[in-house]
Amino acid sequence: MSRATFQSVVGAMSDPDYTALDRLMPHPVYALQHWVSVLNPSVGTFESVVKPLLEEAHARVARGPRKQAQRSSP
């Protein structure tokens, strides 16, 4: 996900409870890479929070190779 999205969804979180269920939080290891984690998301959380974030992340990755291909074109 983008840095801006990461900051908007979990950036202000200090000392997250990594045992909490159904709560979006910075990933305990990969937060510096703007990863988030959620343990046992409910259907509502998955549909309204996780799914849009997955869609954003997928779109960012899908755009990546095209940008690189454009840069390397003569």
C-alpha atoms as a PDB file:
ATOM      1  CA  MET A   1       0.000   0.000   0.000  1.00  0.00           C
ATOM      2  CA  SER A   2       1.085   3.570  -0.408  1.00  0.00           C
ATOM      3  CA  ARG A   3       2.801   5.470   2.370  1.00  0.00           C
ATOM      4  CA  ALA A   4      -0.177   7.845   2.540  1.00  0.00           C
ATOM      5  CA  THR A   5      -2.671   4.991   2.948  1.00  0.00           C
ATOM      6  CA  PHE A   6      -0.499   3.332   5.584  1.00  0.00           C
ATOM      7  CA  GLN A   7      -0.327   6.582   7.537  1.00  0.00           C
ATOM      8  CA  SER A   8      -4.071   7.112   7.282  1.00  0.00           C
ATOM      9  CA  VAL A   9      -5.041   3.630   8.477  1.00  0.00           C
ATOM     10  CA  VAL A  10      -2.385   2.794  11.096  1.00  0.00           C
ATOM     11  CA  GLY A  11       0.212   5.562  11.144  1.00  0.00           C
ATOM     12  CA  ALA A  12      -0.935   7.148  14.392  1.00  0.00           C
ATOM     13  CA  MET A  13      -0.987   3.831  16.256  1.00  0.00           C
ATOM     14  CA  SER A  14       1.527   3.631  19.072  1.00  0.00           C
ATOM     15  CA  ASP A  15       2.268   0.351  20.831  1.00  0.00           C
ATOM     16  CA  PRO A  16      -0.385  -1.787  19.058  1.00  0.00           C
ATOM     17  CA  ASP A  17      -1.737  -4.907  20.742  1.00  0.00           C
ATOM     18  CA  TYR A  18      -0.600  -7.616  18.326  1.00  0.00           C
ATOM     19  CA  THR A  19      -2.903 -10.151  19.975  1.00  0.00           C
ATOM     20  CA  ALA A  20      -6.064  -8.148  19.224  1.00  0.00           C
ATOM     21  CA  LEU A  21      -8.513  -9.770  16.845  1.00  0.00           C
ATOM     22  CA  ASP A  22     -10.333  -8.037  13.986  1.00  0.00           C
ATOM     23  CA  ARG A  23      -8.186  -4.906  14.191  1.00  0.00           C
ATOM     24  CA  LEU A  24      -5.952  -3.444  11.513  1.00  0.00           C
ATOM     25  CA  MET A  25      -2.468  -2.621  12.784  1.00  0.00           C
ATOM     26  CA  PRO A  26       1.073  -2.138  11.490  1.00  0.00           C
ATOM     27  CA  HIS A  27       2.718  -5.451  10.641  1.00  0.00           C
ATOM     28  CA  PRO A  28       5.023  -6.420  13.541  1.00  0.00           C
ATOM     29  CA  VAL A  29       7.999  -7.085  11.230  1.00  0.00           C
ATOM     30  CA  TYR A  30       7.310  -5.350   7.921  1.00  0.00           C
ATOM     31  CA  ALA A  31       5.692  -2.079   8.996  1.00  0.00           C
ATOM     32  CA  LEU A  32       8.640  -0.148   7.544  1.00  0.00           C
ATOM     33  CA  GLN A  33       7.618  -1.515   4.136  1.00  0.00           C
ATOM     34  CA  HIS A  34       4.062  -0.217   4.766  1.00  0.00           C
ATOM     35  CA  TRP A  35       2.563  -3.632   5.466  1.00  0.00           C
ATOM     36  CA  VAL A  36      -0.383  -4.042   7.793  1.00  0.00           C
ATOM     37  CA  SER A  37      -1.812  -7.050   9.576  1.00  0.00           C
ATOM     38  CA  VAL A  38      -5.150  -8.142  10.946  1.00  0.00           C
ATOM     39  CA  LEU A  39      -5.809 -11.288  12.954  1.00  0.00           C
ATOM     40  CA  ASN A  40      -9.043 -13.127  12.249  1.00  0.00           C
ATOM     41  CA  PRO A  41     -10.899 -10.328  10.442  1.00  0.00           C
ATOM     42  CA  SER A  42     -14.687 -10.411  10.585  1.00  0.00           C
ATOM     43  CA  VAL A  43     -16.623 -10.493   7.329  1.00  0.00           C
ATOM     44  CA  GLY A  44     -17.446  -6.807   7.791  1.00  0.00           C
ATOM     45  CA  THR A  45     -13.827  -5.826   8.392  1.00  0.00           C
ATOM     46  CA  PHE A  46     -12.680  -7.891   5.438  1.00  0.00           C
ATOM     47  CA  GLU A  47     -15.230  -6.363   3.082  1.00  0.00           C
ATOM     48  CA  SER A  48     -14.972  -2.754   4.241  1.00  0.00           C
ATOM     49  CA  VAL A  49     -11.280  -2.489   5.213  1.00  0.00           C
ATOM     50  CA  VAL A  50      -9.104  -5.373   4.047  1.00  0.00           C
ATOM     51  CA  LYS A  51     -10.512  -5.880   0.562  1.00  0.00           C
ATOM     52  CA  PRO A  52     -10.074  -2.231  -0.530  1.00  0.00           C
ATOM     53  CA  LEU A  53      -6.496  -2.280   0.822  1.00  0.00           C
ATOM     54  CA  LEU A  54      -5.746  -5.484  -1.107  1.00  0.00           C
ATOM     55  CA  GLU A  55      -7.179  -3.901  -4.239  1.00  0.00           C
ATOM     56  CA  GLU A  56      -4.977  -0.837  -3.789  1.00  0.00           C
ATOM     57  CA  ALA A  57      -1.881  -2.972  -3.193  1.00  0.00           C
ATOM     58  CA  HIS A  58      -2.634  -5.127  -6.226  1.00  0.00           C
ATOM     59  CA  ALA A  59      -3.120  -2.064  -8.421  1.00  0.00           C
ATOM     60  CA  ARG A  60       0.224  -0.645  -7.273  1.00  0.00           C
ATOM     61  CA  VAL A  61       2.034  -3.893  -8.081  1.00  0.00           C
ATOM     62  CA  ALA A  62       0.241  -4.253 -11.408  1.00  0.00           C
ATOM     63  CA  ARG A  63       1.404  -0.759 -12.443  1.00  0.00           C
ATOM     64  CA  GLY A  64       5.023  -1.419 -11.421  1.00  0.00           C
ATOM     65  CA  PRO A  65       6.352  -3.464 -14.332  1.00  0.00           C
ATOM     66  CA  ARG A  66       4.771  -1.139 -16.903  1.00  0.00           C
ATOM     67  CA  LYS A  67       6.540   1.842 -15.361  1.00  0.00           C
ATOM     68  CA  GLN A  68       9.880   0.002 -15.477  1.00  0.00           C
ATOM     69  CA  ALA A  69       9.266  -1.144 -19.055  1.00  0.00           C
ATOM     70  CA  GLN A  70       8.519   2.455 -20.077  1.00  0.00           C
ATOM     71  CA  ARG A  71      11.751   3.682 -18.444  1.00  0.00           C
ATOM     72  CA  SER A  72      13.884   1.123 -20.264  1.00  0.00           C
ATOM     73  CA  SER A  73      12.331   1.799 -23.693  1.00  0.00           C
ATOM     74  CA  PRO A  74      14.570   3.731 -26.103  1.00  0.00           C
END
